[in-house]
C-alpha atoms as a PDB file:
ATOM      1  CA  MET A   1      -8.699   9.634  33.240  1.00  0.00           C
ATOM      2  CA  PRO A   2      -8.635   6.240  31.428  1.00  0.00           C
ATOM      3  CA  HIS A   3      -6.970   6.722  28.061  1.00  0.00           C
ATOM      4  CA  ALA A   4      -4.727   5.291  25.367  1.00  0.00           C
ATOM      5  CA  ALA A   5      -1.945   7.116  23.544  1.00  0.00           C
ATOM      6  CA  ALA A   6      -0.115   6.529  20.272  1.00  0.00           C
ATOM      7  CA  LEU A   7       1.466   8.092  17.210  1.00  0.00           C
ATOM      8  CA  LEU A   8      -0.437   6.699  14.230  1.00  0.00           C
ATOM      9  CA  GLY A   9      -1.705   7.954  10.875  1.00  0.00           C
ATOM     10  CA  GLU A  10      -0.115  10.326   8.407  1.00  0.00           C
ATOM     11  CA  GLY A  11       3.459  11.520   8.746  1.00  0.00           C
ATOM     12  CA  SER A  12       6.849  10.118   7.816  1.00  0.00           C
ATOM     13  CA  GLU A  13       7.852   9.866  11.469  1.00  0.00           C
ATOM     14  CA  VAL A  14       5.050   7.346  12.029  1.00  0.00           C
ATOM     15  CA  LEU A  15       6.919   4.925   9.749  1.00  0.00           C
ATOM     16  CA  GLY A  16      10.302   5.827  11.245  1.00  0.00           C
ATOM     17  CA  PHE A  17      11.619   7.557   8.125  1.00  0.00           C
ATOM     18  CA  ASP A  18      12.113  11.138   9.289  1.00  0.00           C
ATOM     19  CA  ASP A  19      15.664  12.510   9.329  1.00  0.00           C
ATOM     20  CA  GLU A  20      17.371  15.882   9.796  1.00  0.00           C
ATOM     21  CA  VAL A  21      15.935  17.154   6.492  1.00  0.00           C
ATOM     22  CA  SER A  22      12.431  16.603   7.853  1.00  0.00           C
ATOM     23  CA  THR A  23      12.865  19.317  10.474  1.00  0.00           C
ATOM     24  CA  ASP A  24      12.341  22.134   7.970  1.00  0.00           C
ATOM     25  CA  HIS A  25       8.521  21.908   8.126  1.00  0.00           C
ATOM     26  CA  ASP A  26       5.643  20.220   9.962  1.00  0.00           C
ATOM     27  CA  PHE A  27       8.103  18.815  12.488  1.00  0.00           C
ATOM     28  CA  GLY A  28       7.827  18.462  16.234  1.00  0.00           C
ATOM     29  CA  PRO A  29       6.363  16.318  19.015  1.00  0.00           C
ATOM     30  CA  ARG A  30       2.821  15.089  18.525  1.00  0.00           C
ATOM     31  CA  LEU A  31       0.562  12.175  19.420  1.00  0.00           C
ATOM     32  CA  GLN A  32      -3.034  11.041  19.646  1.00  0.00           C
ATOM     33  CA  LEU A  33      -4.764  10.827  23.014  1.00  0.00           C
ATOM     34  CA  PHE A  34      -7.708   8.409  22.958  1.00  0.00           C
ATOM     35  CA  VAL A  35     -10.533   8.704  25.472  1.00  0.00           C
ATOM     36  CA  ALA A  36     -13.869   6.966  25.933  1.00  0.00           C
ATOM     37  CA  PRO A  37     -16.895   8.115  23.884  1.00  0.00           C
ATOM     38  CA  GLY A  38     -18.881  10.872  25.545  1.00  0.00           C
ATOM     39  CA  VAL A  39     -16.071  12.017  27.816  1.00  0.00           C
ATOM     40  CA  ASP A  40     -15.972  15.741  28.573  1.00  0.00           C
ATOM     41  CA  THR A  41     -12.649  16.763  27.028  1.00  0.00           C
ATOM     42  CA  ALA A  42     -12.684  20.303  28.445  1.00  0.00           C
ATOM     43  CA  PRO A  43     -10.318  19.409  31.322  1.00  0.00           C
ATOM     44  CA  ILE A  44      -7.937  17.809  28.818  1.00  0.00           C
ATOM     45  CA  ASP A  45      -8.015  20.869  26.571  1.00  0.00           C
ATOM     46  CA  ALA A  46      -7.283  23.060  29.590  1.00  0.00           C
ATOM     47  CA  ALA A  47      -4.360  20.862  30.633  1.00  0.00           C
ATOM     48  CA  LEU A  48      -2.898  20.896  27.140  1.00  0.00           C
ATOM     49  CA  LYS A  49      -2.701  24.683  27.289  1.00  0.00           C
ATOM     50  CA  ASN A  50      -0.083  24.229  30.012  1.00  0.00           C
ATOM     51  CA  LEU A  51       2.280  22.135  27.949  1.00  0.00           C
ATOM     52  CA  PRO A  52       5.893  23.365  28.083  1.00  0.00           C
ATOM     53  CA  GLU A  53       7.153  25.600  25.311  1.00  0.00           C
ATOM     54  CA  TYR A  54       9.800  23.037  24.325  1.00  0.00           C
ATOM     55  CA  PHE A  55      10.079  19.278  24.632  1.00  0.00           C
ATOM     56  CA  ASP A  56      13.373  17.487  23.982  1.00  0.00           C
ATOM     57  CA  GLY A  57      14.695  20.673  22.382  1.00  0.00           C
ATOM     58  CA  LEU A  58      11.779  20.990  19.947  1.00  0.00           C
ATOM     59  CA  PRO A  59       8.953  23.560  20.041  1.00  0.00           C
ATOM     60  CA  VAL A  60       5.681  22.063  21.262  1.00  0.00           C
ATOM     61  CA  ALA A  61       3.525  24.578  19.379  1.00  0.00           C
ATOM     62  CA  TYR A  62       4.440  24.656  15.684  1.00  0.00           C
ATOM     63  CA  SER A  63       2.784  25.076  12.301  1.00  0.00           C
ATOM     64  CA  ASP A  64       1.543  21.948  10.548  1.00  0.00           C
ATOM     65  CA  THR A  65       0.138  22.495   7.061  1.00  0.00           C
ATOM     66  CA  ASP A  66      -2.450  19.723   7.552  1.00  0.00           C
ATOM     67  CA  ARG A  67      -3.791  20.810  10.931  1.00  0.00           C
ATOM     68  CA  HIS A  68      -5.217  23.873  12.691  1.00  0.00           C
ATOM     69  CA  ASP A  69      -5.243  25.914   9.458  1.00  0.00           C
ATOM     70  CA  ALA A  70      -1.427  25.861   9.523  1.00  0.00           C
ATOM     71  CA  ARG A  71      -1.390  28.049  12.656  1.00  0.00           C
ATOM     72  CA  PRO A  72       1.137  27.264  15.428  1.00  0.00           C
ATOM     73  CA  HIS A  73      -0.542  24.846  17.823  1.00  0.00           C
ATOM     74  CA  HIS A  74       0.331  21.826  19.939  1.00  0.00           C
ATOM     75  CA  GLN A  75      -0.191  18.669  17.925  1.00  0.00           C
ATOM     76  CA  VAL A  76      -1.999  16.510  20.483  1.00  0.00           C
ATOM     77  CA  GLU A  77      -5.146  15.100  18.896  1.00  0.00           C
ATOM     78  CA  VAL A  78      -7.850  14.142  21.391  1.00  0.00           C
ATOM     79  CA  THR A  79     -10.338  11.651  20.000  1.00  0.00           C
ATOM     80  CA  THR A  80     -11.867   8.215  20.481  1.00  0.00           C
ATOM     81  CA  VAL A  81     -10.293   5.057  19.107  1.00  0.00           C
ATOM     82  CA  SER A  82     -13.307   4.283  16.926  1.00  0.00           C
ATOM     83  CA  ALA A  83     -13.572   7.814  15.505  1.00  0.00           C
ATOM     84  CA  PHE A  84      -9.872   7.853  14.667  1.00  0.00           C
ATOM     85  CA  PHE A  85      -9.962   4.646  12.627  1.00  0.00           C
ATOM     86  CA  VAL A  86     -13.278   5.508  10.953  1.00  0.00           C
ATOM     87  CA  SER A  87     -11.860   8.870   9.859  1.00  0.00           C
ATOM     88  CA  ARG A  88      -9.014   7.089   8.045  1.00  0.00           C
ATOM     89  CA  LEU A  89     -10.751   3.967   6.769  1.00  0.00           C
ATOM     90  CA  GLY A  90     -14.474   4.666   6.784  1.00  0.00           C
ATOM     91  CA  ALA A  91     -14.906   1.638   9.062  1.00  0.00           C
ATOM     92  CA  ASP A  92     -14.000   0.556  12.576  1.00  0.00           C
ATOM     93  CA  PRO A  93     -11.812  -2.581  12.311  1.00  0.00           C
ATOM     94  CA  ALA A  94     -13.152  -3.749  15.667  1.00  0.00           C
ATOM     95  CA  GLU A  95     -16.536  -4.239  13.994  1.00  0.00           C
ATOM     96  CA  GLY A  96     -15.039  -6.104  11.024  1.00  0.00           C
ATOM     97  CA  MET A  97     -13.718  -5.061   7.626  1.00  0.00           C
ATOM     98  CA  GLU A  98     -15.959  -5.797   4.664  1.00  0.00           C
ATOM     99  CA  LEU A  99     -14.664  -6.439   1.127  1.00  0.00           C
ATOM    100  CA  THR A 100     -15.330  -2.834   0.129  1.00  0.00           C
ATOM    101  CA  ASP A 101     -13.520  -1.533   3.216  1.00  0.00           C
ATOM    102  CA  TRP A 102     -10.405  -3.510   2.343  1.00  0.00           C
ATOM    103  CA  LEU A 103     -10.373  -2.556  -1.325  1.00  0.00           C
ATOM    104  CA  LEU A 104     -10.884   1.151  -0.600  1.00  0.00           C
ATOM    105  CA  ALA A 105      -8.070   1.204   1.989  1.00  0.00           C
ATOM    106  CA  PRO A 106      -4.777   2.324   0.381  1.00  0.00           C
ATOM    107  CA  THR A 107      -1.803   0.374   1.646  1.00  0.00           C
ATOM    108  CA  GLN A 108      -0.135   3.637   2.658  1.00  0.00           C
ATOM    109  CA  ILE A 109      -3.044   4.330   5.023  1.00  0.00           C
ATOM    110  CA  LEU A 110      -2.933   0.780   6.420  1.00  0.00           C
ATOM    111  CA  ALA A 111       0.835   1.084   6.945  1.00  0.00           C
ATOM    112  CA  SER A 112       0.357   4.294   8.897  1.00  0.00           C
ATOM    113  CA  LEU A 113      -2.111   2.585  11.239  1.00  0.00           C
ATOM    114  CA  VAL A 114      -0.317  -0.726  11.717  1.00  0.00           C
ATOM    115  CA  ASP A 115       3.317   0.445  11.825  1.00  0.00           C
ATOM    116  CA  GLY A 116       3.021   3.441  14.144  1.00  0.00           C
ATOM    117  CA  VAL A 117       3.974   3.320  17.814  1.00  0.00           C
ATOM    118  CA  VAL A 118       1.487   2.598  20.603  1.00  0.00           C
ATOM    119  CA  LEU A 119       2.573   4.309  23.812  1.00  0.00           C
ATOM    120  CA  HIS A 120      -0.216   3.298  26.189  1.00  0.00           C
ATOM    121  CA  ASP A 121      -3.115   0.923  25.580  1.00  0.00           C
ATOM    122  CA  PRO A 122      -4.331  -0.496  28.909  1.00  0.00           C
ATOM    123  CA  PHE A 123      -7.565  -1.926  27.496  1.00  0.00           C
ATOM    124  CA  GLY A 124      -6.070  -3.193  24.235  1.00  0.00           C
ATOM    125  CA  LEU A 125      -8.403  -1.076  22.075  1.00  0.00           C
ATOM    126  CA  LEU A 126      -5.648   0.021  19.708  1.00  0.00           C
ATOM    127  CA  THR A 127      -3.947  -3.359  19.715  1.00  0.00           C
ATOM    128  CA  ALA A 128      -7.149  -5.182  18.737  1.00  0.00           C
ATOM    129  CA  ARG A 129      -7.784  -2.865  15.798  1.00  0.00           C
ATOM    130  CA  ARG A 130      -4.195  -3.036  14.581  1.00  0.00           C
ATOM    131  CA  ARG A 131      -4.356  -6.818  14.789  1.00  0.00           C
ATOM    132  CA  ALA A 132      -7.519  -6.776  12.658  1.00  0.00           C
ATOM    133  CA  LEU A 133      -5.641  -4.720  10.052  1.00  0.00           C
ATOM    134  CA  ASN A 134      -2.539  -6.879  10.096  1.00  0.00           C
ATOM    135  CA  TRP A 135      -3.267  -8.349   6.657  1.00  0.00           C
ATOM    136  CA  TYR A 136      -5.925  -9.142   4.082  1.00  0.00           C
ATOM    137  CA  PRO A 137      -8.145 -12.229   4.409  1.00  0.00           C
ATOM    138  CA  ASP A 138      -6.747 -14.902   2.081  1.00  0.00           C
ATOM    139  CA  ASP A 139      -9.225 -14.525  -0.786  1.00  0.00           C
ATOM    140  CA  ILE A 140      -8.861 -10.736  -0.828  1.00  0.00           C
ATOM    141  CA  TRP A 141      -5.103 -11.289  -0.781  1.00  0.00           C
ATOM    142  CA  ARG A 142      -5.453 -13.564  -3.822  1.00  0.00           C
ATOM    143  CA  TYR A 143      -7.548 -10.956  -5.631  1.00  0.00           C
ATOM    144  CA  VAL A 144      -5.135  -8.091  -4.932  1.00  0.00           C
ATOM    145  CA  LEU A 145      -2.086 -10.174  -5.867  1.00  0.00           C
ATOM    146  CA  ALA A 146      -3.851 -11.268  -9.059  1.00  0.00           C
ATOM    147  CA  ALA A 147      -4.495  -7.629  -9.946  1.00  0.00           C
ATOM    148  CA  GLY A 148      -0.863  -6.757  -9.262  1.00  0.00           C
ATOM    149  CA  TRP A 149       0.377  -9.448 -11.625  1.00  0.00           C
ATOM    150  CA  LEU A 150      -2.156  -8.367 -14.231  1.00  0.00           C
ATOM    151  CA  ARG A 151      -0.652  -4.870 -14.194  1.00  0.00           C
ATOM    152  CA  VAL A 152       2.758  -6.407 -14.904  1.00  0.00           C
ATOM    153  CA  SER A 153       1.289  -8.562 -17.664  1.00  0.00           C
ATOM    154  CA  GLN A 154      -0.256  -5.564 -19.395  1.00  0.00           C
ATOM    155  CA  GLU A 155       3.048  -3.704 -19.819  1.00  0.00           C
ATOM    156  CA  GLU A 156       5.880  -6.254 -19.692  1.00  0.00           C
ATOM    157  CA  PRO A 157       5.955  -6.849 -23.483  1.00  0.00           C
ATOM    158  CA  PHE A 158       6.238  -3.106 -24.114  1.00  0.00           C
ATOM    159  CA  ILE A 159       9.877  -3.119 -22.938  1.00  0.00           C
ATOM    160  CA  GLY A 160      10.918  -5.173 -25.947  1.00  0.00           C
ATOM    161  CA  ARG A 161       8.495  -3.454 -28.304  1.00  0.00           C
ATOM    162  CA  THR A 162       9.739   0.074 -27.572  1.00  0.00           C
ATOM    163  CA  GLY A 163      13.341  -1.093 -27.341  1.00  0.00           C
ATOM    164  CA  GLY A 164      13.129  -2.842 -30.690  1.00  0.00           C
ATOM    165  CA  ARG A 165      11.776   0.345 -32.259  1.00  0.00           C
ATOM    166  CA  GLY A 166      14.675   2.376 -30.888  1.00  0.00           C
ATOM    167  CA  ASP A 167      12.423   4.332 -28.515  1.00  0.00           C
ATOM    168  CA  ASP A 168      15.023   4.793 -25.782  1.00  0.00           C
ATOM    169  CA  LEU A 169      12.944   7.115 -23.618  1.00  0.00           C
ATOM    170  CA  GLY A 170       9.895   4.890 -23.949  1.00  0.00           C
ATOM    171  CA  PHE A 171      11.557   1.700 -22.826  1.00  0.00           C
ATOM    172  CA  ARG A 172      13.226   3.504 -19.908  1.00  0.00           C
ATOM    173  CA  ILE A 173       9.888   4.871 -18.677  1.00  0.00           C
ATOM    174  CA  LEU A 174       8.160   1.526 -19.114  1.00  0.00           C
ATOM    175  CA  THR A 175      10.975  -0.288 -17.325  1.00  0.00           C
ATOM    176  CA  ALA A 176      10.512   1.998 -14.337  1.00  0.00           C
ATOM    177  CA  ARG A 177       6.748   1.461 -14.369  1.00  0.00           C
ATOM    178  CA  VAL A 178       7.034  -2.329 -14.409  1.00  0.00           C
ATOM    179  CA  ALA A 179       9.792  -2.211 -11.779  1.00  0.00           C
ATOM    180  CA  ARG A 180       7.518  -0.217  -9.471  1.00  0.00           C
ATOM    181  CA  ASP A 181       4.722  -2.761  -9.898  1.00  0.00           C
ATOM    182  CA  LEU A 182       7.162  -5.557  -9.063  1.00  0.00           C
ATOM    183  CA  VAL A 183       8.289  -3.694  -5.939  1.00  0.00           C
ATOM    184  CA  ARG A 184       4.681  -3.460  -4.786  1.00  0.00           C
ATOM    185  CA  ILE A 185       4.221  -7.175  -5.447  1.00  0.00           C
ATOM    186  CA  GLY A 186       7.205  -7.716  -3.137  1.00  0.00           C
ATOM    187  CA  PHE A 187       5.235  -6.108  -0.311  1.00  0.00           C
ATOM    188  CA  LEU A 188       2.203  -8.248  -1.112  1.00  0.00           C
ATOM    189  CA  THR A 189       4.186 -11.468  -0.989  1.00  0.00           C
ATOM    190  CA  GLU A 190       5.735 -10.552   2.366  1.00  0.00           C
ATOM    191  CA  ARG A 191       2.474  -9.413   3.956  1.00  0.00           C
ATOM    192  CA  ARG A 192       3.666  -5.856   4.456  1.00  0.00           C
ATOM    193  CA  TRP A 193       1.709  -2.683   3.694  1.00  0.00           C
ATOM    194  CA  ALA A 194       3.544  -0.573   1.115  1.00  0.00           C
ATOM    195  CA  PRO A 195       4.060   3.088   2.111  1.00  0.00           C
ATOM    196  CA  TYR A 196       3.614   6.028  -0.220  1.00  0.00           C
ATOM    197  CA  ASN A 197       6.050   6.615  -3.061  1.00  0.00           C
ATOM    198  CA  LYS A 198       8.565   8.734  -1.181  1.00  0.00           C
ATOM    199  CA  TRP A 199       9.432   5.804   1.070  1.00  0.00           C
ATOM    200  CA  LEU A 200       8.421   2.883  -1.158  1.00  0.00           C
ATOM    201  CA  THR A 201      11.887   1.639  -2.090  1.00  0.00           C
ATOM    202  CA  THR A 202      13.369   2.583   1.295  1.00  0.00           C
ATOM    203  CA  ALA A 203      10.861   0.213   2.890  1.00  0.00           C
ATOM    204  CA  PHE A 204      11.335  -2.352   0.095  1.00  0.00           C
ATOM    205  CA  ALA A 205      15.038  -2.573   0.958  1.00  0.00           C
ATOM    206  CA  ARG A 206      14.020  -3.945   4.369  1.00  0.00           C
ATOM    207  CA  LEU A 207      12.082  -6.866   2.881  1.00  0.00           C
ATOM    208  CA  ALA A 208      13.685 -10.305   2.690  1.00  0.00           C
ATOM    209  CA  LEU A 209      12.918 -10.363  -1.041  1.00  0.00           C
ATOM    210  CA  ALA A 210      14.930  -7.212  -1.640  1.00  0.00           C
ATOM    211  CA  ASP A 211      18.181  -9.210  -1.724  1.00  0.00           C
ATOM    212  CA  GLN A 212      16.727 -11.515  -4.375  1.00  0.00           C
ATOM    213  CA  ALA A 213      14.825  -9.136  -6.633  1.00  0.00           C
ATOM    214  CA  GLY A 214      16.519  -5.819  -5.824  1.00  0.00           C
ATOM    215  CA  PRO A 215      19.788  -6.405  -7.731  1.00  0.00           C
ATOM    216  CA  HIS A 216      17.861  -7.379 -10.865  1.00  0.00           C
ATOM    217  CA  LEU A 217      15.651  -4.288 -10.587  1.00  0.00           C
ATOM    218  CA  ARG A 218      18.676  -2.023 -10.167  1.00  0.00           C
ATOM    219  CA  ARG A 219      20.321  -3.680 -13.172  1.00  0.00           C
ATOM    220  CA  ALA A 220      17.157  -3.168 -15.230  1.00  0.00           C
ATOM    221  CA  LEU A 221      17.008   0.525 -14.380  1.00  0.00           C
ATOM    222  CA  GLY A 222      20.723   1.052 -14.918  1.00  0.00           C
ATOM    223  CA  ALA A 223      21.204  -0.888 -18.148  1.00  0.00           C
ATOM    224  CA  THR A 224      21.594   1.049 -21.396  1.00  0.00           C
ATOM    225  CA  GLY A 225      20.500  -1.682 -23.794  1.00  0.00           C
ATOM    226  CA  TRP A 226      16.909  -2.835 -23.962  1.00  0.00           C
ATOM    227  CA  ARG A 227      17.886  -6.506 -24.119  1.00  0.00           C
ATOM    228  CA  ASP A 228      19.720  -6.157 -20.811  1.00  0.00           C
ATOM    229  CA  ARG A 229      16.723  -4.362 -19.311  1.00  0.00           C
ATOM    230  CA  GLU A 230      14.375  -7.051 -20.593  1.00  0.00           C
ATOM    231  CA  ALA A 231      16.521  -9.855 -19.146  1.00  0.00           C
ATOM    232  CA  ALA A 232      16.885  -8.111 -15.776  1.00  0.00           C
ATOM    233  CA  LEU A 233      13.157  -7.435 -15.472  1.00  0.00           C
ATOM    234  CA  CYS A 234      12.370 -11.054 -16.352  1.00  0.00           C
ATOM    235  CA  ALA A 235      14.826 -12.188 -13.674  1.00  0.00           C
ATOM    236  CA  ALA A 236      13.250  -9.931 -11.039  1.00  0.00           C
ATOM    237  CA  ALA A 237       9.744 -10.986 -12.048  1.00  0.00           C
ATOM    238  CA  GLY A 238      10.807 -14.638 -11.879  1.00  0.00           C
ATOM    239  CA  ARG A 239      12.040 -14.206  -8.305  1.00  0.00           C
ATOM    240  CA  LEU A 240       8.768 -12.600  -7.275  1.00  0.00           C
ATOM    241  CA  ALA A 241       6.732 -15.216  -9.130  1.00  0.00           C
ATOM    242  CA  ALA A 242       8.596 -17.939  -7.222  1.00  0.00           C
ATOM    243  CA  ALA A 243       7.821 -16.104  -3.981  1.00  0.00           C
ATOM    244  CA  THR A 244       4.151 -15.936  -4.990  1.00  0.00           C
ATOM    245  CA  ASN A 245       4.192 -19.679  -5.642  1.00  0.00           C
ATOM    246  CA  GLY A 246       5.698 -20.196  -2.200  1.00  0.00           C
ATOM    247  CA  LEU A 247       2.698 -18.593  -0.491  1.00  0.00           C
ATOM    248  CA  GLY A 248       0.557 -21.631  -1.294  1.00  0.00           C
ATOM    249  CA  LEU A 249      -2.361 -19.434  -2.317  1.00  0.00           C
ATOM    250  CA  ALA A 250      -2.764 -21.025  -5.743  1.00  0.00           C
ATOM    251  CA  GLU A 251      -1.383 -23.668  -8.055  1.00  0.00           C
ATOM    252  CA  PRO A 252       2.290 -22.863  -8.762  1.00  0.00           C
ATOM    253  CA  VAL A 253       3.277 -21.281 -12.056  1.00  0.00           C
ATOM    254  CA  ASP A 254       6.559 -21.830 -13.899  1.00  0.00           C
ATOM    255  CA  PRO A 255       8.555 -18.650 -13.121  1.00  0.00           C
ATOM    256  CA  THR A 256      10.882 -18.837 -16.130  1.00  0.00           C
ATOM    257  CA  PRO A 257      10.486 -16.276 -18.957  1.00  0.00           C
ATOM    258  CA  ARG A 258       9.122 -17.150 -22.369  1.00  0.00           C
ATOM    259  CA  ARG A 259       8.517 -15.678 -25.808  1.00  0.00           C
ATOM    260  CA  PHE A 260       5.663 -13.196 -26.184  1.00  0.00           C
ATOM    261  CA  HIS A 261       3.523 -14.903 -28.829  1.00  0.00           C
ATOM    262  CA  THR A 262       5.779 -15.258 -31.910  1.00  0.00           C
ATOM    263  CA  ARG A 263       7.724 -12.048 -31.341  1.00  0.00           C
ATOM    264  CA  ASP A 264      11.361 -11.873 -30.339  1.00  0.00           C
ATOM    265  CA  ILE A 265      10.377 -10.523 -26.923  1.00  0.00           C
ATOM    266  CA  GLN A 266      10.879 -12.254 -23.555  1.00  0.00           C
ATOM    267  CA  VAL A 267       8.302 -11.881 -20.752  1.00  0.00           C
ATOM    268  CA  LEU A 268       7.219 -13.689 -17.615  1.00  0.00           C
ATOM    269  CA  ALA A 269       3.661 -13.906 -19.003  1.00  0.00           C
ATOM    270  CA  ALA A 270       2.431 -12.703 -15.645  1.00  0.00           C
ATOM    271  CA  GLU A 271      -1.256 -13.201 -16.479  1.00  0.00           C
ATOM    272  CA  ARG A 272      -0.642 -16.896 -15.721  1.00  0.00           C
ATOM    273  CA  LEU A 273      -0.282 -15.929 -12.052  1.00  0.00           C
ATOM    274  CA  THR A 274      -3.430 -13.826 -12.300  1.00  0.00           C
ATOM    275  CA  ARG A 275      -5.339 -16.821 -13.648  1.00  0.00           C
ATOM    276  CA  ALA A 276      -3.990 -19.221 -11.001  1.00  0.00           C
ATOM    277  CA  LEU A 277      -4.810 -16.836  -8.148  1.00  0.00           C
ATOM    278  CA  THR A 278      -8.316 -15.977  -9.317  1.00  0.00           C
ATOM    279  CA  ASP A 279      -9.079 -19.648  -9.945  1.00  0.00           C
ATOM    280  CA  ALA A 280      -8.310 -20.330  -6.278  1.00  0.00           C
ATOM    281  CA  ILE A 281     -10.790 -17.730  -4.953  1.00  0.00           C
ATOM    282  CA  THR A 282     -13.901 -19.231  -3.352  1.00  0.00           C
ATOM    283  CA  ASP A 283     -15.406 -16.253  -1.519  1.00  0.00           C
ATOM    284  CA  PRO A 284     -18.819 -15.638  -3.186  1.00  0.00           C
ATOM    285  CA  LEU A 285     -18.600 -11.847  -2.917  1.00  0.00           C
ATOM    286  CA  ILE A 286     -15.229 -11.763  -4.639  1.00  0.00           C
ATOM    287  CA  ARG A 287     -16.340 -14.254  -7.278  1.00  0.00           C
ATOM    288  CA  ALA A 288     -19.338 -12.010  -7.962  1.00  0.00           C
ATOM    289  CA  LEU A 289     -16.988  -9.019  -8.245  1.00  0.00           C
ATOM    290  CA  LEU A 290     -14.800 -10.948 -10.687  1.00  0.00           C
ATOM    291  CA  ALA A 291     -17.846 -11.769 -12.796  1.00  0.00           C
ATOM    292  CA  ARG A 292     -18.903  -8.096 -12.890  1.00  0.00           C
ATOM    293  CA  LEU A 293     -15.392  -7.225 -14.074  1.00  0.00           C
ATOM    294  CA  GLY A 294     -15.644  -9.641 -16.979  1.00  0.00           C
ATOM    295  CA  HIS A 295     -13.685 -12.532 -15.481  1.00  0.00           C
ATOM    296  CA  GLN A 296     -14.663 -15.893 -16.919  1.00  0.00           C
ATOM    297  CA  PRO A 297     -13.518 -19.267 -15.548  1.00  0.00           C
ATOM    298  CA  ASP A 298     -11.287 -20.960 -18.108  1.00  0.00           C
ATOM    299  CA  GLY A 299     -11.681 -17.879 -20.327  1.00  0.00           C
ATOM    300  CA  THR A 300     -10.781 -14.198 -20.266  1.00  0.00           C
ATOM    301  CA  VAL A 301      -9.150 -12.867 -17.101  1.00  0.00           C
ATOM    302  CA  GLY A 302     -11.278  -9.721 -17.130  1.00  0.00           C
ATOM    303  CA  HIS A 303     -10.500  -6.226 -15.933  1.00  0.00           C
ATOM    304  CA  LEU A 304      -9.224  -6.612 -12.385  1.00  0.00           C
ATOM    305  CA  PHE A 305      -8.900  -3.183 -10.813  1.00  0.00           C
ATOM    306  CA  GLY A 306      -7.656  -4.648  -7.533  1.00  0.00           C
ATOM    307  CA  ALA A 307      -7.385  -2.382  -4.504  1.00  0.00           C
ATOM    308  CA  ILE A 308      -7.746   1.347  -4.949  1.00  0.00           C
ATOM    309  CA  ASP A 309      -4.006   2.053  -5.047  1.00  0.00           C
ATOM    310  CA  GLN A 310      -3.650  -0.446  -7.896  1.00  0.00           C
ATOM    311  CA  ALA A 311      -6.404   1.269  -9.871  1.00  0.00           C
ATOM    312  CA  CYS A 312      -5.299   4.831  -9.089  1.00  0.00           C
ATOM    313  CA  ASP A 313      -2.178   6.593  -7.869  1.00  0.00           C
ATOM    314  CA  ASN A 314      -3.651  10.073  -7.538  1.00  0.00           C
ATOM    315  CA  VAL A 315      -2.468  11.526  -4.217  1.00  0.00           C
ATOM    316  CA  ASP A 316      -5.611  13.583  -3.636  1.00  0.00           C
ATOM    317  CA  ILE A 317      -7.780  10.461  -3.956  1.00  0.00           C
ATOM    318  CA  LEU A 318      -5.610   8.103  -1.941  1.00  0.00           C
ATOM    319  CA  THR A 319      -5.275  10.468   1.000  1.00  0.00           C
ATOM    320  CA  ALA A 320      -8.922  11.546   1.309  1.00  0.00           C
ATOM    321  CA  LEU A 321     -11.649   9.154   2.425  1.00  0.00           C
ATOM    322  CA  ASP A 322     -14.507  11.054   0.769  1.00  0.00           C
ATOM    323  CA  ARG A 323     -12.683  11.095  -2.590  1.00  0.00           C
ATOM    324  CA  ARG A 324     -11.933   7.382  -2.320  1.00  0.00           C
ATOM    325  CA  ARG A 325     -15.639   6.747  -1.842  1.00  0.00           C
ATOM    326  CA  ASP A 326     -16.445   8.834  -4.911  1.00  0.00           C
ATOM    327  CA  TYR A 327     -13.948   6.767  -6.886  1.00  0.00           C
ATOM    328  CA  ALA A 328     -15.365   3.420  -5.733  1.00  0.00           C
ATOM    329  CA  SER A 329     -17.735   3.033  -8.683  1.00  0.00           C
ATOM    330  CA  LEU A 330     -14.751   2.392 -10.977  1.00  0.00           C
ATOM    331  CA  LEU A 331     -13.886  -0.623  -8.838  1.00  0.00           C
ATOM    332  CA  GLY A 332     -17.393  -1.985  -9.206  1.00  0.00           C
ATOM    333  CA  LEU A 333     -18.018  -1.374  -5.496  1.00  0.00           C
ATOM    334  CA  GLN A 334     -20.675   0.353  -3.444  1.00  0.00           C
ATOM    335  CA  PRO A 335     -19.020   2.239  -0.554  1.00  0.00           C
END
């Protein structure tokens, strides 16, 4: 029977991150088997009942908390290519991704579709869809990058403010928050989909930028004095700002730190990157979205929510398509 086969979607093994610890639950051989729409799958279901008890030393039927009501079962999913992608994204990439589709697609979902392994694809149906999801169109890329830098801008002065007040716990927490946003900007500058938090920095270490920004981020998180943390974060942000400039998406911005207003606080002033990137957007739909969010040319930057995983980090929302659709109104979108 004509078919394609792959291991895509949720699961650490899809991204290549499983290890011996992973074998304690939800672990074993699985894949997706893709058939043409309308095909009678009864013969396939019958054949799958004859799978061996073990494959490569692992049980073929095992409990998976996300599938088959957690009852032991083989983990071969039989579906169509279109239905599989629609179930994860709400759209079939082969038919085109609209602005709303892109902004409601968490990067961890996109990573699980683009980075998994394709085992058999004779008609190129999987390959074409993965190619369509390879990266954002340029103006959406500008918008999402702008939102990422706006997040940094909103909290970067708090490192010095809490540190200057002697709030040790506060400036440690805020340092970690800004560092995480900078890590995610690293993925955006290298055109790589960021995985979910468990593997975020593991995957970041594989980026070219990790050698440039990573040591500064580690120094920021390990320093005991707030001045050292402030300087290290500014250095990391400067490296990532230079990388953003190098993309050629907008007019370059000076990546050196500066005083926050008249206070004795050093920041990148990351909203300058937000302004440069949004000024370069020409797509009318995105410009209309910017206007709805209060963005004014040569004026206020507005409230850029960005993509859904910049506006929200709730696991239950990011991993469920119906909940992401319910949340879309906050982004000023109509799913």
